[in-house]
C-alpha atoms as a PDB file:
ATOM      1  CA  UNK A   1       0.000   0.000   0.000  1.00  0.00           C
ATOM      2  CA  UNK A   2       1.368   3.432  -0.963  1.00  0.00           C
ATOM      3  CA  UNK A   3       1.564   6.165   1.688  1.00  0.00           C
ATOM      4  CA  UNK A   4      -1.356   8.563   1.806  1.00  0.00           C
ATOM      5  CA  UNK A   5       0.801  11.410   0.506  1.00  0.00           C
ATOM      6  CA  UNK A   6       1.060   9.702  -2.881  1.00  0.00           C
ATOM      7  CA  UNK A   7      -2.662   9.319  -3.493  1.00  0.00           C
ATOM      8  CA  UNK A   8      -5.607  11.535  -3.890  1.00  0.00           C
ATOM      9  CA  UNK A   9      -7.460  11.735  -0.616  1.00  0.00           C
ATOM     10  CA  UNK A  10      -8.399   8.264   0.652  1.00  0.00           C
ATOM     11  CA  UNK A  11     -11.953   7.126   0.019  1.00  0.00           C
ATOM     12  CA  UNK A  12     -14.296   8.261   2.750  1.00  0.00           C
ATOM     13  CA  UNK A  13     -11.957  11.017   3.965  1.00  0.00           C
ATOM     14  CA  UNK A  14     -12.315  14.731   3.396  1.00  0.00           C
ATOM     15  CA  UNK A  15     -10.055  16.647   1.072  1.00  0.00           C
ATOM     16  CA  UNK A  16      -7.251  18.596   2.690  1.00  0.00           C
ATOM     17  CA  UNK A  17      -8.124  22.184   3.554  1.00  0.00           C
ATOM     18  CA  UNK A  18      -5.847  25.215   3.489  1.00  0.00           C
ATOM     19  CA  UNK A  19      -6.457  28.828   4.456  1.00  0.00           C
ATOM     20  CA  UNK A  20      -4.832  32.190   3.902  1.00  0.00           C
ATOM     21  CA  UNK A  21      -5.897  34.386   6.821  1.00  0.00           C
ATOM     22  CA  UNK A  22      -5.687  37.700   4.983  1.00  0.00           C
ATOM     23  CA  UNK A  23      -5.351  39.100   1.500  1.00  0.00           C
ATOM     24  CA  UNK A  24      -2.759  41.749   2.277  1.00  0.00           C
ATOM     25  CA  UNK A  25       0.696  42.032   0.758  1.00  0.00           C
ATOM     26  CA  UNK A  26      -0.072  39.931  -2.305  1.00  0.00           C
ATOM     27  CA  UNK A  27       2.601  39.764  -4.988  1.00  0.00           C
ATOM     28  CA  UNK A  28       1.555  40.665  -8.519  1.00  0.00           C
ATOM     29  CA  UNK A  29       0.987  37.703 -10.868  1.00  0.00           C
ATOM     30  CA  UNK A  30       4.054  37.154 -13.056  1.00  0.00           C
ATOM     31  CA  UNK A  31       4.156  35.031 -16.157  1.00  0.00           C
ATOM     32  CA  UNK A  32       7.116  33.908 -18.255  1.00  0.00           C
ATOM     33  CA  UNK A  33       7.597  35.595 -21.614  1.00  0.00           C
ATOM     34  CA  UNK A  34       5.026  34.466 -24.171  1.00  0.00           C
ATOM     35  CA  UNK A  35       2.286  33.693 -21.634  1.00  0.00           C
ATOM     36  CA  UNK A  36      -0.742  35.838 -20.924  1.00  0.00           C
ATOM     37  CA  UNK A  37      -3.277  36.008 -18.088  1.00  0.00           C
ATOM     38  CA  UNK A  38      -6.943  36.744 -18.752  1.00  0.00           C
ATOM     39  CA  UNK A  39     -10.491  36.014 -17.676  1.00  0.00           C
ATOM     40  CA  UNK A  40     -12.107  32.972 -19.247  1.00  0.00           C
ATOM     41  CA  UNK A  41     -15.258  33.387 -21.313  1.00  0.00           C
ATOM     42  CA  UNK A  42     -17.877  31.204 -22.993  1.00  0.00           C
ATOM     43  CA  UNK A  43     -15.567  30.530 -25.961  1.00  0.00           C
ATOM     44  CA  UNK A  44     -13.202  28.756 -23.549  1.00  0.00           C
ATOM     45  CA  UNK A  45     -15.650  26.001 -22.563  1.00  0.00           C
ATOM     46  CA  UNK A  46     -14.212  23.230 -24.769  1.00  0.00           C
ATOM     47  CA  UNK A  47     -10.544  24.213 -24.268  1.00  0.00           C
ATOM     48  CA  UNK A  48     -11.147  24.363 -20.498  1.00  0.00           C
ATOM     49  CA  UNK A  49     -12.608  20.851 -20.543  1.00  0.00           C
ATOM     50  CA  UNK A  50      -9.505  19.608 -22.375  1.00  0.00           C
ATOM     51  CA  UNK A  51      -7.144  21.448 -20.001  1.00  0.00           C
ATOM     52  CA  UNK A  52      -8.904  20.213 -16.866  1.00  0.00           C
ATOM     53  CA  UNK A  53      -8.887  16.645 -18.217  1.00  0.00           C
ATOM     54  CA  UNK A  54      -5.091  16.917 -18.524  1.00  0.00           C
ATOM     55  CA  UNK A  55      -4.699  18.477 -15.078  1.00  0.00           C
ATOM     56  CA  UNK A  56      -7.105  16.159 -13.252  1.00  0.00           C
ATOM     57  CA  UNK A  57      -6.817  12.742 -14.840  1.00  0.00           C
ATOM     58  CA  UNK A  58      -8.969  11.234 -12.085  1.00  0.00           C
ATOM     59  CA  UNK A  59     -12.014  13.293 -13.143  1.00  0.00           C
ATOM     60  CA  UNK A  60     -14.059  13.387 -16.335  1.00  0.00           C
ATOM     61  CA  UNK A  61     -14.317  16.851 -17.844  1.00  0.00           C
ATOM     62  CA  UNK A  62     -16.790  17.819 -20.546  1.00  0.00           C
ATOM     63  CA  UNK A  63     -17.996  21.158 -21.857  1.00  0.00           C
ATOM     64  CA  UNK A  64     -21.223  20.645 -19.887  1.00  0.00           C
ATOM     65  CA  UNK A  65     -19.276  20.063 -16.666  1.00  0.00           C
ATOM     66  CA  UNK A  66     -17.139  23.178 -17.242  1.00  0.00           C
ATOM     67  CA  UNK A  67     -20.302  25.191 -17.770  1.00  0.00           C
ATOM     68  CA  UNK A  68     -21.978  23.741 -14.667  1.00  0.00           C
ATOM     69  CA  UNK A  69     -18.995  23.944 -12.271  1.00  0.00           C
ATOM     70  CA  UNK A  70     -17.078  26.985 -13.531  1.00  0.00           C
ATOM     71  CA  UNK A  71     -18.393  29.317 -16.210  1.00  0.00           C
ATOM     72  CA  UNK A  72     -22.103  29.035 -15.464  1.00  0.00           C
ATOM     73  CA  UNK A  73     -22.042  28.381 -11.726  1.00  0.00           C
ATOM     74  CA  UNK A  74     -23.784  30.950  -9.533  1.00  0.00           C
ATOM     75  CA  UNK A  75     -21.061  30.627  -6.875  1.00  0.00           C
ATOM     76  CA  UNK A  76     -18.125  31.194  -9.269  1.00  0.00           C
ATOM     77  CA  UNK A  77     -17.718  34.842 -10.221  1.00  0.00           C
ATOM     78  CA  UNK A  78     -14.417  34.742 -12.123  1.00  0.00           C
ATOM     79  CA  UNK A  79     -12.289  32.122 -13.855  1.00  0.00           C
ATOM     80  CA  UNK A  80      -8.730  33.070 -14.776  1.00  0.00           C
ATOM     81  CA  UNK A  81      -6.655  31.322 -17.414  1.00  0.00           C
ATOM     82  CA  UNK A  82      -3.079  31.535 -18.577  1.00  0.00           C
ATOM     83  CA  UNK A  83      -2.469  31.095 -22.290  1.00  0.00           C
ATOM     84  CA  UNK A  84       0.705  30.232 -24.155  1.00  0.00           C
ATOM     85  CA  UNK A  85       2.144  32.166 -27.108  1.00  0.00           C
ATOM     86  CA  UNK A  86      -0.319  30.449 -29.465  1.00  0.00           C
ATOM     87  CA  UNK A  87      -3.339  31.288 -27.307  1.00  0.00           C
ATOM     88  CA  UNK A  88      -3.831  27.768 -25.926  1.00  0.00           C
ATOM     89  CA  UNK A  89      -5.125  27.499 -22.361  1.00  0.00           C
ATOM     90  CA  UNK A  90      -2.370  26.141 -20.106  1.00  0.00           C
ATOM     91  CA  UNK A  91      -3.499  26.998 -16.537  1.00  0.00           C
ATOM     92  CA  UNK A  92      -6.778  27.802 -14.805  1.00  0.00           C
ATOM     93  CA  UNK A  93      -8.388  28.627 -11.486  1.00  0.00           C
ATOM     94  CA  UNK A  94     -11.632  30.202 -10.439  1.00  0.00           C
ATOM     95  CA  UNK A  95     -12.879  32.477  -7.682  1.00  0.00           C
ATOM     96  CA  UNK A  96     -15.679  30.826  -5.746  1.00  0.00           C
ATOM     97  CA  UNK A  97     -17.648  31.801  -2.658  1.00  0.00           C
ATOM     98  CA  UNK A  98     -19.126  29.135  -0.406  1.00  0.00           C
ATOM     99  CA  UNK A  99     -20.238  31.219   2.563  1.00  0.00           C
ATOM    100  CA  UNK A 100     -23.445  33.249   2.580  1.00  0.00           C
ATOM    101  CA  UNK A 101     -21.513  36.140   4.175  1.00  0.00           C
ATOM    102  CA  UNK A 102     -19.105  36.184   1.221  1.00  0.00           C
ATOM    103  CA  UNK A 103     -16.124  37.152   3.363  1.00  0.00           C
ATOM    104  CA  UNK A 104     -14.088  34.018   2.603  1.00  0.00           C
ATOM    105  CA  UNK A 105     -13.236  33.308  -1.009  1.00  0.00           C
ATOM    106  CA  UNK A 106     -12.395  29.825  -2.235  1.00  0.00           C
ATOM    107  CA  UNK A 107      -9.614  29.172  -4.734  1.00  0.00           C
ATOM    108  CA  UNK A 108     -11.378  26.621  -6.934  1.00  0.00           C
ATOM    109  CA  UNK A 109     -10.064  24.073  -9.473  1.00  0.00           C
ATOM    110  CA  UNK A 110      -6.457  25.213  -9.857  1.00  0.00           C
ATOM    111  CA  UNK A 111      -4.983  23.187 -12.705  1.00  0.00           C
ATOM    112  CA  UNK A 112      -2.400  23.273 -15.423  1.00  0.00           C
ATOM    113  CA  UNK A 113      -1.170  21.508 -18.523  1.00  0.00           C
ATOM    114  CA  UNK A 114       1.599  19.091 -17.437  1.00  0.00           C
ATOM    115  CA  UNK A 115       3.656  20.157 -20.489  1.00  0.00           C
ATOM    116  CA  UNK A 116       3.902  23.656 -18.974  1.00  0.00           C
ATOM    117  CA  UNK A 117       4.652  22.571 -15.391  1.00  0.00           C
ATOM    118  CA  UNK A 118       7.306  24.415 -13.406  1.00  0.00           C
ATOM    119  CA  UNK A 119       6.776  27.826 -15.005  1.00  0.00           C
ATOM    120  CA  UNK A 120       4.799  29.450 -12.191  1.00  0.00           C
ATOM    121  CA  UNK A 121       1.508  29.414 -14.081  1.00  0.00           C
ATOM    122  CA  UNK A 122      -0.510  27.940 -11.198  1.00  0.00           C
ATOM    123  CA  UNK A 123       0.914  30.602  -8.923  1.00  0.00           C
ATOM    124  CA  UNK A 124       0.025  33.341 -11.421  1.00  0.00           C
ATOM    125  CA  UNK A 125      -3.614  32.303 -11.889  1.00  0.00           C
ATOM    126  CA  UNK A 126      -3.953  31.792  -8.124  1.00  0.00           C
ATOM    127  CA  UNK A 127      -2.599  35.279  -7.450  1.00  0.00           C
ATOM    128  CA  UNK A 128      -5.044  36.703 -10.000  1.00  0.00           C
ATOM    129  CA  UNK A 129      -7.913  35.178  -8.010  1.00  0.00           C
ATOM    130  CA  UNK A 130      -6.483  36.346  -4.687  1.00  0.00           C
ATOM    131  CA  UNK A 131      -6.248  39.904  -6.041  1.00  0.00           C
ATOM    132  CA  UNK A 132      -9.839  39.664  -7.271  1.00  0.00           C
ATOM    133  CA  UNK A 133     -11.014  38.509  -3.839  1.00  0.00           C
ATOM    134  CA  UNK A 134      -9.153  41.419  -2.210  1.00  0.00           C
ATOM    135  CA  UNK A 135     -10.591  43.940  -4.693  1.00  0.00           C
ATOM    136  CA  UNK A 136     -14.100  42.611  -4.051  1.00  0.00           C
ATOM    137  CA  UNK A 137     -13.747  43.007  -0.276  1.00  0.00           C
ATOM    138  CA  UNK A 138     -13.140  39.424   0.793  1.00  0.00           C
ATOM    139  CA  UNK A 139     -11.069  39.131   3.970  1.00  0.00           C
ATOM    140  CA  UNK A 140      -9.480  35.699   3.540  1.00  0.00           C
ATOM    141  CA  UNK A 141      -9.345  32.665   1.266  1.00  0.00           C
ATOM    142  CA  UNK A 142      -9.468  28.904   1.550  1.00  0.00           C
ATOM    143  CA  UNK A 143      -8.986  25.981  -0.800  1.00  0.00           C
ATOM    144  CA  UNK A 144      -9.364  22.219  -0.878  1.00  0.00           C
ATOM    145  CA  UNK A 145      -6.803  19.875  -2.377  1.00  0.00           C
ATOM    146  CA  UNK A 146      -5.695  16.274  -2.590  1.00  0.00           C
ATOM    147  CA  UNK A 147      -2.744  14.652  -0.853  1.00  0.00           C
ATOM    148  CA  UNK A 148      -1.032  13.693  -4.118  1.00  0.00           C
ATOM    149  CA  UNK A 149      -0.935  17.244  -5.498  1.00  0.00           C
ATOM    150  CA  UNK A 150       2.446  18.016  -3.944  1.00  0.00           C
ATOM    151  CA  UNK A 151       3.593  20.690  -6.449  1.00  0.00           C
ATOM    152  CA  UNK A 152       0.289  22.524  -5.970  1.00  0.00           C
ATOM    153  CA  UNK A 153       0.518  22.256  -2.179  1.00  0.00           C
ATOM    154  CA  UNK A 154       4.053  23.638  -2.323  1.00  0.00           C
ATOM    155  CA  UNK A 155       2.737  26.598  -4.360  1.00  0.00           C
ATOM    156  CA  UNK A 156      -0.120  27.191  -1.911  1.00  0.00           C
ATOM    157  CA  UNK A 157       2.316  27.201   1.016  1.00  0.00           C
ATOM    158  CA  UNK A 158       4.504  29.717  -0.851  1.00  0.00           C
ATOM    159  CA  UNK A 159       1.401  31.884  -1.378  1.00  0.00           C
ATOM    160  CA  UNK A 160       0.810  32.037   2.387  1.00  0.00           C
ATOM    161  CA  UNK A 161      -1.805  29.327   2.763  1.00  0.00           C
ATOM    162  CA  UNK A 162      -1.506  27.101   5.808  1.00  0.00           C
ATOM    163  CA  UNK A 163      -2.995  23.681   6.532  1.00  0.00           C
ATOM    164  CA  UNK A 164      -6.374  23.792   8.212  1.00  0.00           C
ATOM    165  CA  UNK A 165      -7.390  20.711  10.184  1.00  0.00           C
ATOM    166  CA  UNK A 166     -11.022  19.912   9.353  1.00  0.00           C
ATOM    167  CA  UNK A 167     -10.940  16.111   9.612  1.00  0.00           C
ATOM    168  CA  UNK A 168      -9.401  13.644  12.112  1.00  0.00           C
ATOM    169  CA  UNK A 169      -7.263  12.200   9.286  1.00  0.00           C
ATOM    170  CA  UNK A 170      -5.634  15.543   8.464  1.00  0.00           C
ATOM    171  CA  UNK A 171      -2.796  15.676  11.045  1.00  0.00           C
ATOM    172  CA  UNK A 172      -1.305  12.381   9.841  1.00  0.00           C
ATOM    173  CA  UNK A 173      -1.816  13.261   6.208  1.00  0.00           C
ATOM    174  CA  UNK A 174      -0.229  16.711   6.632  1.00  0.00           C
ATOM    175  CA  UNK A 175       2.731  15.133   8.459  1.00  0.00           C
ATOM    176  CA  UNK A 176       3.313  12.826   5.479  1.00  0.00           C
ATOM    177  CA  UNK A 177       3.072  15.743   3.071  1.00  0.00           C
ATOM    178  CA  UNK A 178       5.504  17.882   5.099  1.00  0.00           C
ATOM    179  CA  UNK A 179       7.943  14.963   5.112  1.00  0.00           C
ATOM    180  CA  UNK A 180       7.605  14.471   1.363  1.00  0.00           C
ATOM    181  CA  UNK A 181       8.069  18.203   0.702  1.00  0.00           C
ATOM    182  CA  UNK A 182      11.020  18.406   3.081  1.00  0.00           C
ATOM    183  CA  UNK A 183       9.312  21.042   5.253  1.00  0.00           C
END
């Protein structure tokens, strides 16, 4: 049996939670030369489905699912994408609210094309959402992730997110992740 840190969250257990307690002092999103950051629109539905299928191989993505969960969802008010020099979508995340008070934003479905990994694109789209939350008056931000998404977790930690224990399994799982990340 592989350690928990190498799998998505174990069946029957909650996803890992992380929180950034404030939205102050955010760096500006930076992209490598040839990449561009923009808001997604309805024309991006099919390319987003293809990108998310690459980023999340354990989930089935269709244009209908993108419309339902991202572009047409009442609780998602912005979806940011990074494009390469040819205009192809290579990274994505969305700004979601889950609380009725709308003081805590949720970084939602952060993903990227594996062929463009290591270029800071996930960080850039995440920062775009964090800036949007701050501009819209949100006070903090959370996210949910899987144990196996170590590069993403490393990025979230660098962005000032911290683990939030919301399940009895989380302390052990976070300990395994910290060990794997060398933190």
